[in-house]
Protein backbone atom coordinates (compact mmCIF):
# COMPACT_ATOMS: atom_id res chain seq x y z
CA THR A 1 5.11 -6.98 2.65
CA SER A 2 3.26 -10.04 3.77
CA ILE A 3 0.02 -11.46 2.50
CA LYS A 4 -1.91 -13.11 5.27
CA HIS A 5 -3.52 -15.15 6.79
CA PHE A 6 -3.08 -18.24 4.60
CA PRO A 7 -5.23 -20.13 3.74
CA GLY A 8 -7.96 -17.72 4.84
CA HIS A 9 -10.23 -17.62 7.85
CA GLY A 10 -13.38 -18.76 6.10
CA ASN A 11 -15.82 -16.18 7.46
CA THR A 12 -15.52 -17.52 10.99
CA LYS A 13 -16.61 -15.37 13.89
CA ASP A 14 -14.21 -17.05 16.33
CA ASP A 15 -10.77 -15.70 17.19
CA THR A 16 -7.55 -17.74 17.02
CA HIS A 17 -6.05 -15.37 19.59
CA LYS A 18 -8.38 -16.94 22.13
CA GLY A 19 -8.61 -20.57 21.07
CA PHE A 20 -9.11 -23.27 18.45
CA VAL A 21 -11.06 -22.13 15.36
CA ASN A 22 -12.44 -24.46 12.69
CA SER A 23 -13.20 -22.88 9.30
CA THR A 24 -14.07 -26.09 7.46
CA GLU A 25 -17.77 -25.25 7.07
CA THR A 26 -17.34 -21.56 6.18
CA PHE A 27 -14.23 -21.62 3.95
CA LEU A 28 -14.63 -20.62 0.31
CA ASP A 29 -12.14 -21.66 -2.39
CA LYS A 30 -11.93 -18.04 -3.58
CA GLU A 31 -9.99 -17.28 -0.37
CA LEU A 32 -6.98 -18.95 -2.03
CA GLU A 33 -7.08 -16.67 -5.10
CA PRO A 34 -4.93 -13.83 -3.69
CA TYR A 35 -2.08 -16.25 -3.03
CA SER A 36 -2.19 -17.60 -6.58
CA LEU A 37 -2.47 -14.13 -8.10
CA LEU A 38 0.24 -12.52 -5.99
CA LYS A 39 2.81 -15.33 -5.75
CA SER A 40 4.97 -13.72 -8.45
CA TYR A 41 4.48 -10.13 -7.33
CA ASP A 42 7.94 -8.84 -6.48
CA LYS A 43 6.70 -6.75 -3.54
CA MET A 44 5.21 -9.75 -1.74
CA ASN A 45 8.05 -10.78 0.52
CA THR A 46 6.32 -13.28 2.79
CA VAL A 47 3.14 -15.22 3.35
CA MET A 48 1.88 -15.48 6.92
CA VAL A 49 0.07 -18.70 7.77
CA SER A 50 -2.81 -18.63 10.20
CA HIS A 51 -3.66 -20.96 13.05
CA ILE A 52 -7.03 -21.73 11.51
CA PHE A 53 -8.06 -25.38 11.29
CA ASN A 54 -9.67 -26.65 8.11
CA SER A 55 -10.18 -30.40 7.82
CA ASP A 56 -10.39 -30.11 4.03
CA PHE A 57 -6.66 -29.32 4.09
CA ASP A 58 -5.50 -31.34 7.10
CA ASN A 59 -7.69 -33.28 9.51
CA THR A 60 -5.06 -33.22 12.26
CA TYR A 61 -3.30 -29.83 12.43
CA PRO A 62 -4.15 -26.16 11.99
CA ALA A 63 -2.53 -24.40 9.02
CA SER A 64 0.58 -23.14 10.83
CA LEU A 65 1.54 -26.68 11.90
CA SER A 66 0.41 -28.49 8.77
CA ALA A 67 2.73 -29.79 6.04
CA LYS A 68 -0.39 -30.67 4.05
CA THR A 69 -1.49 -27.03 4.12
CA ILE A 70 1.85 -25.24 3.75
CA LYS A 71 4.02 -27.60 1.68
CA GLY A 72 1.05 -29.28 -0.02
CA LYS A 73 -1.28 -26.41 -0.78
CA LEU A 74 0.78 -23.18 -0.63
CA ILE A 75 4.14 -24.36 -1.95
CA ASN A 76 3.41 -27.34 -4.22
CA GLU A 77 -0.10 -26.59 -5.47
CA ILE A 78 -0.12 -22.78 -5.60
CA GLY A 79 3.61 -22.54 -6.37
CA TYR A 80 4.67 -19.98 -3.77
CA ASN A 81 8.42 -20.24 -3.15
CA GLY A 82 9.14 -17.31 -0.85
CA VAL A 83 9.43 -17.00 2.91
CA VAL A 84 6.64 -18.51 5.00
CA VAL A 85 6.14 -16.88 8.38
CA SER A 86 3.88 -18.12 11.15
CA ASP A 87 1.34 -16.08 12.97
CA ASP A 88 2.20 -15.70 16.65
CA TYR A 89 2.50 -19.15 18.20
CA ASP A 90 1.65 -17.71 21.60
CA MET A 91 -1.98 -17.31 20.50
CA GLY A 92 -4.62 -19.44 22.20
CA ALA A 93 -5.35 -21.63 19.17
CA ILE A 94 -1.85 -23.03 19.43
CA ARG A 95 -0.59 -22.64 23.00
CA LYS A 96 -3.76 -24.08 24.53
CA ASN A 97 -3.49 -27.20 22.37
CA TYR A 98 0.20 -27.91 21.74
CA ASN A 99 3.39 -27.87 23.79
CA LEU A 100 6.47 -25.96 22.66
CA GLU A 101 8.22 -29.00 21.17
CA GLU A 102 5.14 -29.96 19.12
CA ILE A 103 4.90 -26.38 17.85
CA VAL A 104 8.55 -26.11 16.83
CA VAL A 105 8.88 -29.56 15.22
CA ASN A 106 5.57 -29.40 13.36
CA SER A 107 6.08 -25.85 12.09
CA ILE A 108 9.55 -26.61 10.71
CA ASN A 109 8.31 -29.84 9.11
CA ALA A 110 5.31 -27.97 7.70
CA GLY A 111 7.51 -25.46 5.86
CA VAL A 112 7.49 -22.43 8.15
CA ASN A 113 10.71 -20.45 7.68
CA LEU A 114 10.19 -17.84 10.40
CA MET A 115 8.41 -18.66 13.66
CA ILE A 116 6.86 -15.86 15.68
CA PHE A 117 6.63 -16.06 19.46
CA SER A 118 5.74 -12.55 20.50
CA ASN A 119 2.65 -12.44 22.66
CA ASN A 120 4.39 -14.16 25.55
CA LEU A 121 2.02 -12.37 27.96
CA GLY A 122 0.47 -15.52 29.34
CA TYR A 123 3.71 -17.46 29.24
CA LYS A 124 6.31 -14.88 30.32
CA ASP A 125 9.19 -17.03 29.19
CA ILE A 126 12.33 -14.95 28.73
CA ASN A 127 14.28 -18.06 27.74
CA ILE A 128 11.99 -19.18 24.94
CA ASP A 129 14.71 -18.64 22.33
CA ARG A 130 17.07 -20.98 24.16
CA LYS A 131 14.34 -23.58 24.60
CA ILE A 132 13.51 -23.46 20.88
CA ASN A 133 17.19 -23.78 19.97
CA LYS A 134 17.50 -26.83 22.23
CA ILE A 135 14.36 -28.39 20.72
CA VAL A 136 15.67 -27.87 17.18
CA LYS A 137 19.07 -29.40 18.01
CA LYS A 138 17.50 -32.38 19.79
CA ASN A 139 15.11 -33.09 16.93
CA LEU A 140 17.80 -32.68 14.28
CA LYS A 141 19.81 -35.37 16.09
CA SER A 142 16.81 -37.69 16.36
CA GLY A 143 15.81 -37.14 12.73
CA LYS A 144 12.41 -35.62 13.51
CA ILE A 145 13.60 -32.41 11.81
CA LYS A 146 15.58 -32.50 8.57
CA LEU A 147 18.68 -30.37 8.13
CA SER A 148 17.49 -29.68 4.58
CA ASP A 149 14.42 -27.87 5.98
CA ILE A 150 16.67 -25.68 8.15
CA ASP A 151 18.98 -24.99 5.20
CA ASN A 152 15.99 -24.19 3.00
CA SER A 153 14.74 -21.66 5.56
CA ILE A 154 18.17 -20.04 5.87
CA ASN A 155 18.47 -19.72 2.09
CA LYS A 156 15.00 -18.21 1.73
CA ILE A 157 15.68 -15.72 4.52
CA ILE A 158 19.02 -14.72 2.96
CA GLU A 159 17.28 -14.15 -0.39
CA LEU A 160 14.63 -12.06 1.33
CA LYS A 161 17.30 -9.96 3.05
CA LYS A 162 18.98 -9.32 -0.33
CA GLU A 163 15.68 -8.02 -1.70
CA LEU A 164 15.28 -5.61 1.17
């Protein structure tokens, strides 16, 4: 199972499928409660992070690209230590505002363990997996991505697979 969409959408009427959405003014702290309450529940296998922007968490990036939101809030503050999965990075909130390299590097650095690229309708890129692989290798060599973050993701995914 997956609890989603961290940190919450904050009663916004806008849709991250279509474009950038800011929940700063409508977000309520109680939206974080399910993550705190369920972090130890053995049936909660993953947390999916949204593409919602909330400047109270990070004034630069939306949740799915934000180390302040994922590593800071979800992992360090709330104490969740399972698999973090992104919402679909082919949604408008992300693809209209960031290029593929920015998406991959920021999501790995933020603490995302599994990246989803599934909508591909507007992008029709059958080689996206190869492009992502190349981006990861390039940024590992340059130091923009840490091998420890990749290892951490692999270990979390292996643990998840054992549970299933």
